[in-house]
């Protein structure tokens, strides 16, 4: 089914707000998982789709807690790994880490979920922010050394970045600059920040430079795909309101930001819920509502759909 063939369903659910389901954060012992990870899950009995969410460059997975709780409260289980603490420009090891975590899910994830909760791994989504977005696209493009044993059914790039600038992509290169060249065999959503390509000050480069950012990723997507650019918000404005530690404090200093994080985070969470409900659960009413600019907590600079 596609959005154009779906029947609009009236609902009182606001995907940009916390959903009806109570959620729980689970922190498995690090020795029991391939990488340290956080699990956000509904606590109500049921079977729920699963989303693997990849953090941005040098960020902590805990910085995405408010976003993850919002998505989980609408009926999704999120697995949010910490791929590294320190890393260089090459993201190849991160891609392999995500493969290892994904292959671990069938046997490993159920051990940590509440007994009344079941993960539906036939409805599996992959999302990544910033460099994590690059990693997600690379995995979806099968830039792998290890066999992936599960199939992802939906891909989300949250302000993805493929390097420092056009001509300065970091390995492995993802962008080819050939329109509609990504043969992903799954629906894609790309969310961009309007301020991501703007320098905060002359000392630092833009956090999502033009030439390697959301616009370029979307240009290479094939049908079906959707694209939202949020005006007046920055590359890190979907993180928690408070991000602690040295890295947390740096998130306020390095990138051009909006006035506050909540509106951008609510939009990103709501758009992800709408997209996943559409392509994993065949309810496109929420996604079409965003397309028609209903109830979004931010002003959208650009909206585009490839159907």
C-alpha atoms as a PDB file:
ATOM      1  CA  UNK A   1       0.000   0.000   0.000  1.00  0.00           C
ATOM      2  CA  UNK A   2       1.160   3.558  -0.646  1.00  0.00           C
ATOM      3  CA  UNK A   3       0.104   6.912   0.808  1.00  0.00           C
ATOM      4  CA  UNK A   4      -1.748   7.800  -2.370  1.00  0.00           C
ATOM      5  CA  UNK A   5      -3.880   4.655  -2.102  1.00  0.00           C
ATOM      6  CA  UNK A   6      -4.604   4.891   1.615  1.00  0.00           C
ATOM      7  CA  UNK A   7      -7.886   5.937   3.133  1.00  0.00           C
ATOM      8  CA  UNK A   8      -7.698   8.842   5.557  1.00  0.00           C
ATOM      9  CA  UNK A   9      -8.559   7.755   9.070  1.00  0.00           C
ATOM     10  CA  UNK A  10      -9.807  10.269  11.613  1.00  0.00           C
ATOM     11  CA  UNK A  11      -7.914  10.062  14.884  1.00  0.00           C
ATOM     12  CA  UNK A  12      -7.498  12.122  18.002  1.00  0.00           C
ATOM     13  CA  UNK A  13      -3.875  10.963  18.321  1.00  0.00           C
ATOM     14  CA  UNK A  14      -1.314  13.766  18.147  1.00  0.00           C
ATOM     15  CA  UNK A  15       1.953  12.193  16.996  1.00  0.00           C
ATOM     16  CA  UNK A  16       3.828  15.344  18.045  1.00  0.00           C
ATOM     17  CA  UNK A  17       2.886  14.779  21.696  1.00  0.00           C
ATOM     18  CA  UNK A  18       3.535  11.931  24.114  1.00  0.00           C
ATOM     19  CA  UNK A  19       1.331   8.997  23.154  1.00  0.00           C
ATOM     20  CA  UNK A  20      -1.124   7.005  25.232  1.00  0.00           C
ATOM     21  CA  UNK A  21       1.244   4.172  26.168  1.00  0.00           C
ATOM     22  CA  UNK A  22       3.370   4.229  29.302  1.00  0.00           C
ATOM     23  CA  UNK A  23       7.044   3.621  28.502  1.00  0.00           C
ATOM     24  CA  UNK A  24      10.031   2.144  30.266  1.00  0.00           C
ATOM     25  CA  UNK A  25      13.779   2.655  29.838  1.00  0.00           C
ATOM     26  CA  UNK A  26      15.821  -0.544  30.153  1.00  0.00           C
ATOM     27  CA  UNK A  27      19.621  -0.467  30.505  1.00  0.00           C
ATOM     28  CA  UNK A  28      21.067  -3.965  29.982  1.00  0.00           C
ATOM     29  CA  UNK A  29      24.412  -4.832  31.516  1.00  0.00           C
ATOM     30  CA  UNK A  30      27.063  -3.971  28.949  1.00  0.00           C
ATOM     31  CA  UNK A  31      28.566  -7.480  29.118  1.00  0.00           C
ATOM     32  CA  UNK A  32      25.288  -8.958  27.883  1.00  0.00           C
ATOM     33  CA  UNK A  33      24.960  -6.957  24.653  1.00  0.00           C
ATOM     34  CA  UNK A  34      27.266  -6.455  21.633  1.00  0.00           C
ATOM     35  CA  UNK A  35      27.525  -2.749  22.479  1.00  0.00           C
ATOM     36  CA  UNK A  36      26.169  -0.666  25.363  1.00  0.00           C
ATOM     37  CA  UNK A  37      22.581   0.143  24.526  1.00  0.00           C
ATOM     38  CA  UNK A  38      19.347   1.609  25.815  1.00  0.00           C
ATOM     39  CA  UNK A  39      15.941   0.041  25.202  1.00  0.00           C
ATOM     40  CA  UNK A  40      12.776   2.150  25.257  1.00  0.00           C
ATOM     41  CA  UNK A  41       9.598   0.099  25.265  1.00  0.00           C
ATOM     42  CA  UNK A  42       5.884   0.358  25.968  1.00  0.00           C
ATOM     43  CA  UNK A  43       4.930  -1.519  29.125  1.00  0.00           C
ATOM     44  CA  UNK A  44       1.417  -2.366  27.956  1.00  0.00           C
ATOM     45  CA  UNK A  45       0.938  -5.938  26.744  1.00  0.00           C
ATOM     46  CA  UNK A  46       1.273  -6.269  22.999  1.00  0.00           C
ATOM     47  CA  UNK A  47       3.451  -6.853  19.968  1.00  0.00           C
ATOM     48  CA  UNK A  48       5.304  -3.781  18.698  1.00  0.00           C
ATOM     49  CA  UNK A  49       7.535  -2.862  15.729  1.00  0.00           C
ATOM     50  CA  UNK A  50      11.206  -2.187  16.464  1.00  0.00           C
ATOM     51  CA  UNK A  51      13.348   0.823  15.548  1.00  0.00           C
ATOM     52  CA  UNK A  52      17.148   0.906  15.794  1.00  0.00           C
ATOM     53  CA  UNK A  53      18.252   4.524  16.374  1.00  0.00           C
ATOM     54  CA  UNK A  54      21.883   5.542  15.776  1.00  0.00           C
ATOM     55  CA  UNK A  55      23.434   8.540  17.536  1.00  0.00           C
ATOM     56  CA  UNK A  56      25.343  11.401  15.921  1.00  0.00           C
ATOM     57  CA  UNK A  57      29.066  12.099  15.880  1.00  0.00           C
ATOM     58  CA  UNK A  58      30.654  11.885  19.360  1.00  0.00           C
ATOM     59  CA  UNK A  59      27.229  12.079  21.007  1.00  0.00           C
ATOM     60  CA  UNK A  60      25.821   9.904  23.786  1.00  0.00           C
ATOM     61  CA  UNK A  61      22.860   7.637  23.109  1.00  0.00           C
ATOM     62  CA  UNK A  62      21.279   8.981  26.304  1.00  0.00           C
ATOM     63  CA  UNK A  63      20.943  12.406  24.642  1.00  0.00           C
ATOM     64  CA  UNK A  64      18.038  10.942  22.620  1.00  0.00           C
ATOM     65  CA  UNK A  65      16.008   9.824  25.642  1.00  0.00           C
ATOM     66  CA  UNK A  66      13.125  12.299  25.359  1.00  0.00           C
ATOM     67  CA  UNK A  67      12.821  11.647  21.633  1.00  0.00           C
ATOM     68  CA  UNK A  68      12.893   7.887  22.208  1.00  0.00           C
ATOM     69  CA  UNK A  69      10.256   7.972  24.953  1.00  0.00           C
ATOM     70  CA  UNK A  70       7.978   9.990  22.660  1.00  0.00           C
ATOM     71  CA  UNK A  71       8.277   7.455  19.833  1.00  0.00           C
ATOM     72  CA  UNK A  72       7.911   4.457  22.167  1.00  0.00           C
ATOM     73  CA  UNK A  73       4.742   5.914  23.681  1.00  0.00           C
ATOM     74  CA  UNK A  74       3.084   5.549  20.267  1.00  0.00           C
ATOM     75  CA  UNK A  75       3.691   1.804  20.148  1.00  0.00           C
ATOM     76  CA  UNK A  76       7.305   1.156  19.137  1.00  0.00           C
ATOM     77  CA  UNK A  77      10.313  -0.513  20.767  1.00  0.00           C
ATOM     78  CA  UNK A  78      13.544   1.465  20.323  1.00  0.00           C
ATOM     79  CA  UNK A  79      17.041   0.038  20.542  1.00  0.00           C
ATOM     80  CA  UNK A  80      19.566   2.880  20.890  1.00  0.00           C
ATOM     81  CA  UNK A  81      23.189   1.658  20.941  1.00  0.00           C
ATOM     82  CA  UNK A  82      26.335   3.532  21.923  1.00  0.00           C
ATOM     83  CA  UNK A  83      28.493   2.743  18.907  1.00  0.00           C
ATOM     84  CA  UNK A  84      31.729   4.273  20.256  1.00  0.00           C
ATOM     85  CA  UNK A  85      33.114   6.744  22.763  1.00  0.00           C
ATOM     86  CA  UNK A  86      35.998   8.003  20.615  1.00  0.00           C
ATOM     87  CA  UNK A  87      36.339   7.529  16.869  1.00  0.00           C
ATOM     88  CA  UNK A  88      38.090   8.813  13.773  1.00  0.00           C
ATOM     89  CA  UNK A  89      36.697   9.860  10.397  1.00  0.00           C
ATOM     90  CA  UNK A  90      36.119   6.319   9.064  1.00  0.00           C
ATOM     91  CA  UNK A  91      32.634   4.966   9.914  1.00  0.00           C
ATOM     92  CA  UNK A  92      33.236   1.405   8.642  1.00  0.00           C
ATOM     93  CA  UNK A  93      33.495  -0.089  12.143  1.00  0.00           C
ATOM     94  CA  UNK A  94      30.232   1.599  13.125  1.00  0.00           C
ATOM     95  CA  UNK A  95      28.441  -0.038  10.214  1.00  0.00           C
ATOM     96  CA  UNK A  96      29.723  -3.440  11.318  1.00  0.00           C
ATOM     97  CA  UNK A  97      28.653  -2.701  14.898  1.00  0.00           C
ATOM     98  CA  UNK A  98      25.107  -2.031  13.728  1.00  0.00           C
ATOM     99  CA  UNK A  99      25.093  -5.326  11.802  1.00  0.00           C
ATOM    100  CA  UNK A 100      26.241  -7.143  14.945  1.00  0.00           C
ATOM    101  CA  UNK A 101      23.562  -5.484  17.075  1.00  0.00           C
ATOM    102  CA  UNK A 102      20.862  -6.195  14.479  1.00  0.00           C
ATOM    103  CA  UNK A 103      21.835  -9.863  14.228  1.00  0.00           C
ATOM    104  CA  UNK A 104      21.694 -10.054  18.035  1.00  0.00           C
ATOM    105  CA  UNK A 105      18.102  -8.817  18.235  1.00  0.00           C
ATOM    106  CA  UNK A 106      16.142 -12.085  17.667  1.00  0.00           C
ATOM    107  CA  UNK A 107      17.754 -13.896  20.586  1.00  0.00           C
ATOM    108  CA  UNK A 108      18.993 -10.995  22.680  1.00  0.00           C
ATOM    109  CA  UNK A 109      16.237  -8.367  22.735  1.00  0.00           C
ATOM    110  CA  UNK A 110      13.398 -10.542  24.152  1.00  0.00           C
ATOM    111  CA  UNK A 111      15.482 -11.285  27.257  1.00  0.00           C
ATOM    112  CA  UNK A 112      15.291  -7.641  28.338  1.00  0.00           C
ATOM    113  CA  UNK A 113      11.715  -6.757  27.447  1.00  0.00           C
ATOM    114  CA  UNK A 114       8.822  -6.915  29.923  1.00  0.00           C
ATOM    115  CA  UNK A 115       7.260 -10.373  29.813  1.00  0.00           C
ATOM    116  CA  UNK A 116       4.025  -8.999  28.347  1.00  0.00           C
ATOM    117  CA  UNK A 117       5.822  -7.209  25.486  1.00  0.00           C
ATOM    118  CA  UNK A 118       6.824  -8.859  22.203  1.00  0.00           C
ATOM    119  CA  UNK A 119       9.135  -7.383  19.559  1.00  0.00           C
ATOM    120  CA  UNK A 120       7.897  -7.799  15.987  1.00  0.00           C
ATOM    121  CA  UNK A 121      11.154  -8.009  14.049  1.00  0.00           C
ATOM    122  CA  UNK A 122       9.333  -8.433  10.748  1.00  0.00           C
ATOM    123  CA  UNK A 123       8.533  -4.725  11.157  1.00  0.00           C
ATOM    124  CA  UNK A 124      12.030  -3.342  11.676  1.00  0.00           C
ATOM    125  CA  UNK A 125      13.068   0.262  11.063  1.00  0.00           C
ATOM    126  CA  UNK A 126      16.487   1.933  11.016  1.00  0.00           C
ATOM    127  CA  UNK A 127      17.127   5.596  11.838  1.00  0.00           C
ATOM    128  CA  UNK A 128      20.256   7.642  12.307  1.00  0.00           C
ATOM    129  CA  UNK A 129      21.139  11.220  13.187  1.00  0.00           C
ATOM    130  CA  UNK A 130      24.060  13.155  11.669  1.00  0.00           C
ATOM    131  CA  UNK A 131      26.934  10.694  11.163  1.00  0.00           C
ATOM    132  CA  UNK A 132      24.536   8.011  12.412  1.00  0.00           C
ATOM    133  CA  UNK A 133      22.359   8.896   9.421  1.00  0.00           C
ATOM    134  CA  UNK A 134      25.311   8.239   7.116  1.00  0.00           C
ATOM    135  CA  UNK A 135      25.851   4.884   8.839  1.00  0.00           C
ATOM    136  CA  UNK A 136      22.170   3.984   8.446  1.00  0.00           C
ATOM    137  CA  UNK A 137      22.228   4.768   4.716  1.00  0.00           C
ATOM    138  CA  UNK A 138      25.498   2.856   4.259  1.00  0.00           C
ATOM    139  CA  UNK A 139      23.990  -0.211   5.898  1.00  0.00           C
ATOM    140  CA  UNK A 140      20.824   0.094   3.806  1.00  0.00           C
ATOM    141  CA  UNK A 141      23.031   0.311   0.697  1.00  0.00           C
ATOM    142  CA  UNK A 142      24.648  -2.971   1.742  1.00  0.00           C
ATOM    143  CA  UNK A 143      28.119  -1.528   2.355  1.00  0.00           C
ATOM    144  CA  UNK A 144      28.754  -4.483   4.648  1.00  0.00           C
ATOM    145  CA  UNK A 145      31.500  -6.962   5.437  1.00  0.00           C
ATOM    146  CA  UNK A 146      29.250  -9.175   7.556  1.00  0.00           C
ATOM    147  CA  UNK A 147      25.958 -10.743   6.524  1.00  0.00           C
ATOM    148  CA  UNK A 148      22.848  -8.983   7.857  1.00  0.00           C
ATOM    149  CA  UNK A 149      20.385 -11.631   9.017  1.00  0.00           C
ATOM    150  CA  UNK A 150      17.340  -9.384   9.411  1.00  0.00           C
ATOM    151  CA  UNK A 151      15.671  -7.144   6.850  1.00  0.00           C
ATOM    152  CA  UNK A 152      14.998  -3.482   7.547  1.00  0.00           C
ATOM    153  CA  UNK A 153      11.672  -2.254   6.177  1.00  0.00           C
ATOM    154  CA  UNK A 154      12.011   1.523   6.634  1.00  0.00           C
ATOM    155  CA  UNK A 155      14.889   4.017   6.767  1.00  0.00           C
ATOM    156  CA  UNK A 156      15.017   7.462   8.410  1.00  0.00           C
ATOM    157  CA  UNK A 157      17.813  10.001   8.087  1.00  0.00           C
ATOM    158  CA  UNK A 158      17.709  12.730  10.747  1.00  0.00           C
ATOM    159  CA  UNK A 159      19.834  15.562   9.377  1.00  0.00           C
ATOM    160  CA  UNK A 160      22.302  13.042   7.891  1.00  0.00           C
ATOM    161  CA  UNK A 161      25.855  14.186   7.097  1.00  0.00           C
ATOM    162  CA  UNK A 162      28.421  12.502   4.818  1.00  0.00           C
ATOM    163  CA  UNK A 163      31.533  14.483   5.726  1.00  0.00           C
ATOM    164  CA  UNK A 164      32.988  17.943   6.131  1.00  0.00           C
ATOM    165  CA  UNK A 165      32.035  19.360   2.711  1.00  0.00           C
ATOM    166  CA  UNK A 166      31.473  18.327  -0.878  1.00  0.00           C
ATOM    167  CA  UNK A 167      34.756  16.755  -1.944  1.00  0.00           C
ATOM    168  CA  UNK A 168      35.564  16.061   1.722  1.00  0.00           C
ATOM    169  CA  UNK A 169      33.363  13.043   2.364  1.00  0.00           C
ATOM    170  CA  UNK A 170      34.486  10.697   5.116  1.00  0.00           C
ATOM    171  CA  UNK A 171      34.886   6.960   4.424  1.00  0.00           C
ATOM    172  CA  UNK A 172      32.996   5.040   3.368  1.00  0.00           C
ATOM    173  CA  UNK A 173      31.507   7.582   0.947  1.00  0.00           C
ATOM    174  CA  UNK A 174      27.723   7.301   0.707  1.00  0.00           C
ATOM    175  CA  UNK A 175      26.694  10.153  -1.579  1.00  0.00           C
ATOM    176  CA  UNK A 176      27.359   9.723  -5.313  1.00  0.00           C
ATOM    177  CA  UNK A 177      25.722  12.993  -6.494  1.00  0.00           C
ATOM    178  CA  UNK A 178      23.714  10.988  -9.024  1.00  0.00           C
ATOM    179  CA  UNK A 179      19.982  11.778  -8.612  1.00  0.00           C
ATOM    180  CA  UNK A 180      17.818   8.853  -7.467  1.00  0.00           C
ATOM    181  CA  UNK A 181      20.806   6.502  -7.388  1.00  0.00           C
ATOM    182  CA  UNK A 182      20.072   4.950  -3.981  1.00  0.00           C
ATOM    183  CA  UNK A 183      18.617   1.500  -4.659  1.00  0.00           C
ATOM    184  CA  UNK A 184      17.437   0.896  -1.115  1.00  0.00           C
ATOM    185  CA  UNK A 185      14.365  -1.278  -1.713  1.00  0.00           C
ATOM    186  CA  UNK A 186      12.622   0.348   1.246  1.00  0.00           C
ATOM    187  CA  UNK A 187      10.772   3.618   1.972  1.00  0.00           C
ATOM    188  CA  UNK A 188      12.908   6.518   3.174  1.00  0.00           C
ATOM    189  CA  UNK A 189      12.264   9.675   5.156  1.00  0.00           C
ATOM    190  CA  UNK A 190      14.846  12.471   5.381  1.00  0.00           C
ATOM    191  CA  UNK A 191      14.465  15.263   7.945  1.00  0.00           C
ATOM    192  CA  UNK A 192      16.679  18.319   7.615  1.00  0.00           C
ATOM    193  CA  UNK A 193      17.386  21.321   9.802  1.00  0.00           C
ATOM    194  CA  UNK A 194      17.218  24.785   8.268  1.00  0.00           C
ATOM    195  CA  UNK A 195      20.111  26.054  10.394  1.00  0.00           C
ATOM    196  CA  UNK A 196      22.315  22.984  10.030  1.00  0.00           C
ATOM    197  CA  UNK A 197      24.272  24.479   7.138  1.00  0.00           C
ATOM    198  CA  UNK A 198      24.822  27.772   8.968  1.00  0.00           C
ATOM    199  CA  UNK A 199      28.052  28.317  10.946  1.00  0.00           C
ATOM    200  CA  UNK A 200      27.561  29.220  14.594  1.00  0.00           C
ATOM    201  CA  UNK A 201      30.769  31.280  14.461  1.00  0.00           C
ATOM    202  CA  UNK A 202      33.793  31.604  12.152  1.00  0.00           C
ATOM    203  CA  UNK A 203      35.862  29.228  14.292  1.00  0.00           C
ATOM    204  CA  UNK A 204      33.703  26.174  13.615  1.00  0.00           C
ATOM    205  CA  UNK A 205      32.377  24.651  10.385  1.00  0.00           C
ATOM    206  CA  UNK A 206      28.654  24.182   9.910  1.00  0.00           C
ATOM    207  CA  UNK A 207      27.420  20.996  11.557  1.00  0.00           C
ATOM    208  CA  UNK A 208      25.514  19.851   8.443  1.00  0.00           C
ATOM    209  CA  UNK A 209      27.385  21.522   5.572  1.00  0.00           C
ATOM    210  CA  UNK A 210      25.714  22.127   2.254  1.00  0.00           C
ATOM    211  CA  UNK A 211      26.953  19.560  -0.260  1.00  0.00           C
ATOM    212  CA  UNK A 212      26.961  16.618   2.193  1.00  0.00           C
ATOM    213  CA  UNK A 213      23.688  17.115   4.060  1.00  0.00           C
ATOM    214  CA  UNK A 214      19.996  16.231   4.041  1.00  0.00           C
ATOM    215  CA  UNK A 215      19.323  17.830   0.671  1.00  0.00           C
ATOM    216  CA  UNK A 216      21.940  15.670  -1.042  1.00  0.00           C
ATOM    217  CA  UNK A 217      20.743  12.479   0.659  1.00  0.00           C
ATOM    218  CA  UNK A 218      17.147  13.123  -0.387  1.00  0.00           C
ATOM    219  CA  UNK A 219      18.167  13.922  -3.967  1.00  0.00           C
ATOM    220  CA  UNK A 220      19.574  10.408  -4.298  1.00  0.00           C
ATOM    221  CA  UNK A 221      16.510   8.655  -2.849  1.00  0.00           C
ATOM    222  CA  UNK A 222      14.084   6.721  -5.029  1.00  0.00           C
ATOM    223  CA  UNK A 223      10.341   6.261  -4.539  1.00  0.00           C
ATOM    224  CA  UNK A 224       8.829   6.058  -2.016  1.00  0.00           C
ATOM    225  CA  UNK A 225      10.474   8.847  -0.046  1.00  0.00           C
ATOM    226  CA  UNK A 226       9.483  11.942   1.888  1.00  0.00           C
ATOM    227  CA  UNK A 227      11.437  15.015   2.931  1.00  0.00           C
ATOM    228  CA  UNK A 228      10.904  17.663   5.577  1.00  0.00           C
ATOM    229  CA  UNK A 229      13.159  20.632   6.311  1.00  0.00           C
ATOM    230  CA  UNK A 230      12.436  22.458   9.556  1.00  0.00           C
ATOM    231  CA  UNK A 231      12.952  26.212   9.450  1.00  0.00           C
ATOM    232  CA  UNK A 232      14.787  28.083  12.235  1.00  0.00           C
ATOM    233  CA  UNK A 233      16.092  24.965  14.012  1.00  0.00           C
ATOM    234  CA  UNK A 234      19.533  23.448  14.101  1.00  0.00           C
ATOM    235  CA  UNK A 235      21.394  20.189  13.725  1.00  0.00           C
ATOM    236  CA  UNK A 236      21.197  19.204  17.417  1.00  0.00           C
ATOM    237  CA  UNK A 237      17.780  20.572  18.323  1.00  0.00           C
ATOM    238  CA  UNK A 238      16.170  17.118  18.516  1.00  0.00           C
ATOM    239  CA  UNK A 239      18.303  16.152  21.524  1.00  0.00           C
ATOM    240  CA  UNK A 240      17.152  16.227  25.152  1.00  0.00           C
ATOM    241  CA  UNK A 241      16.482  19.606  26.708  1.00  0.00           C
ATOM    242  CA  UNK A 242      19.439  19.030  29.023  1.00  0.00           C
ATOM    243  CA  UNK A 243      22.509  17.137  27.809  1.00  0.00           C
ATOM    244  CA  UNK A 244      25.047  16.731  30.570  1.00  0.00           C
ATOM    245  CA  UNK A 245      28.801  16.328  30.716  1.00  0.00           C
ATOM    246  CA  UNK A 246      31.440  17.897  28.498  1.00  0.00           C
ATOM    247  CA  UNK A 247      29.901  16.442  25.355  1.00  0.00           C
ATOM    248  CA  UNK A 248      26.477  17.537  26.433  1.00  0.00           C
ATOM    249  CA  UNK A 249      27.602  21.096  27.022  1.00  0.00           C
ATOM    250  CA  UNK A 250      29.370  21.113  23.659  1.00  0.00           C
ATOM    251  CA  UNK A 251      26.038  20.482  21.892  1.00  0.00           C
ATOM    252  CA  UNK A 252      25.003  24.030  22.827  1.00  0.00           C
ATOM    253  CA  UNK A 253      28.228  25.580  21.526  1.00  0.00           C
ATOM    254  CA  UNK A 254      29.218  23.920  18.260  1.00  0.00           C
ATOM    255  CA  UNK A 255      26.088  24.203  16.115  1.00  0.00           C
ATOM    256  CA  UNK A 256      23.704  26.988  15.190  1.00  0.00           C
ATOM    257  CA  UNK A 257      20.618  26.260  17.277  1.00  0.00           C
ATOM    258  CA  UNK A 258      16.996  27.329  17.480  1.00  0.00           C
ATOM    259  CA  UNK A 259      15.530  29.127  20.488  1.00  0.00           C
ATOM    260  CA  UNK A 260      14.755  25.852  22.294  1.00  0.00           C
ATOM    261  CA  UNK A 261      14.843  22.162  21.502  1.00  0.00           C
ATOM    262  CA  UNK A 262      11.345  21.007  22.374  1.00  0.00           C
ATOM    263  CA  UNK A 263       9.497  22.040  19.155  1.00  0.00           C
ATOM    264  CA  UNK A 264      12.098  20.467  16.847  1.00  0.00           C
ATOM    265  CA  UNK A 265      12.284  17.304  18.953  1.00  0.00           C
ATOM    266  CA  UNK A 266       8.496  16.995  19.016  1.00  0.00           C
ATOM    267  CA  UNK A 267       8.374  17.390  15.245  1.00  0.00           C
ATOM    268  CA  UNK A 268      11.140  14.861  14.601  1.00  0.00           C
ATOM    269  CA  UNK A 269       9.507  12.345  16.934  1.00  0.00           C
ATOM    270  CA  UNK A 270       6.079  12.909  15.422  1.00  0.00           C
ATOM    271  CA  UNK A 271       7.325  12.662  11.851  1.00  0.00           C
ATOM    272  CA  UNK A 272       9.121   9.417  12.686  1.00  0.00           C
ATOM    273  CA  UNK A 273       5.987   7.985  14.293  1.00  0.00           C
ATOM    274  CA  UNK A 274       3.859   9.033  11.308  1.00  0.00           C
ATOM    275  CA  UNK A 275       6.316   7.535   8.814  1.00  0.00           C
ATOM    276  CA  UNK A 276       6.644   4.256  10.731  1.00  0.00           C
ATOM    277  CA  UNK A 277       2.895   3.943  11.225  1.00  0.00           C
ATOM    278  CA  UNK A 278       2.491   4.425   7.492  1.00  0.00           C
ATOM    279  CA  UNK A 279       5.093   2.040   6.162  1.00  0.00           C
ATOM    280  CA  UNK A 280       5.178  -0.554   8.953  1.00  0.00           C
ATOM    281  CA  UNK A 281       1.500  -0.526   9.915  1.00  0.00           C
ATOM    282  CA  UNK A 282      -0.198   0.749   6.712  1.00  0.00           C
ATOM    283  CA  UNK A 283      -1.834   3.742   8.387  1.00  0.00           C
ATOM    284  CA  UNK A 284      -0.790   6.756   6.316  1.00  0.00           C
ATOM    285  CA  UNK A 285      -3.248   9.222   7.813  1.00  0.00           C
ATOM    286  CA  UNK A 286      -0.667  10.794  10.138  1.00  0.00           C
ATOM    287  CA  UNK A 287       1.976  11.159   7.433  1.00  0.00           C
ATOM    288  CA  UNK A 288      -0.524  12.732   5.062  1.00  0.00           C
ATOM    289  CA  UNK A 289      -1.526  15.087   7.862  1.00  0.00           C
ATOM    290  CA  UNK A 290       2.049  16.367   8.066  1.00  0.00           C
ATOM    291  CA  UNK A 291       2.144  16.674   4.284  1.00  0.00           C
ATOM    292  CA  UNK A 292      -0.944  18.879   4.539  1.00  0.00           C
ATOM    293  CA  UNK A 293       0.761  20.909   7.315  1.00  0.00           C
ATOM    294  CA  UNK A 294      -1.632  19.913  10.091  1.00  0.00           C
ATOM    295  CA  UNK A 295      -0.641  20.508  13.728  1.00  0.00           C
ATOM    296  CA  UNK A 296       3.138  20.592  13.206  1.00  0.00           C
ATOM    297  CA  UNK A 297       4.833  22.393  16.137  1.00  0.00           C
ATOM    298  CA  UNK A 298       7.361  24.022  13.772  1.00  0.00           C
ATOM    299  CA  UNK A 299       7.361  25.908  10.479  1.00  0.00           C
ATOM    300  CA  UNK A 300       8.424  23.695   7.598  1.00  0.00           C
ATOM    301  CA  UNK A 301      10.835  25.245   5.126  1.00  0.00           C
ATOM    302  CA  UNK A 302      10.354  22.449   2.605  1.00  0.00           C
ATOM    303  CA  UNK A 303       8.071  19.430   2.162  1.00  0.00           C
ATOM    304  CA  UNK A 304       8.443  16.951  -0.673  1.00  0.00           C
ATOM    305  CA  UNK A 305       7.172  13.451  -1.421  1.00  0.00           C
ATOM    306  CA  UNK A 306       8.279  10.929  -4.039  1.00  0.00           C
ATOM    307  CA  UNK A 307       5.362   8.539  -4.447  1.00  0.00           C
END
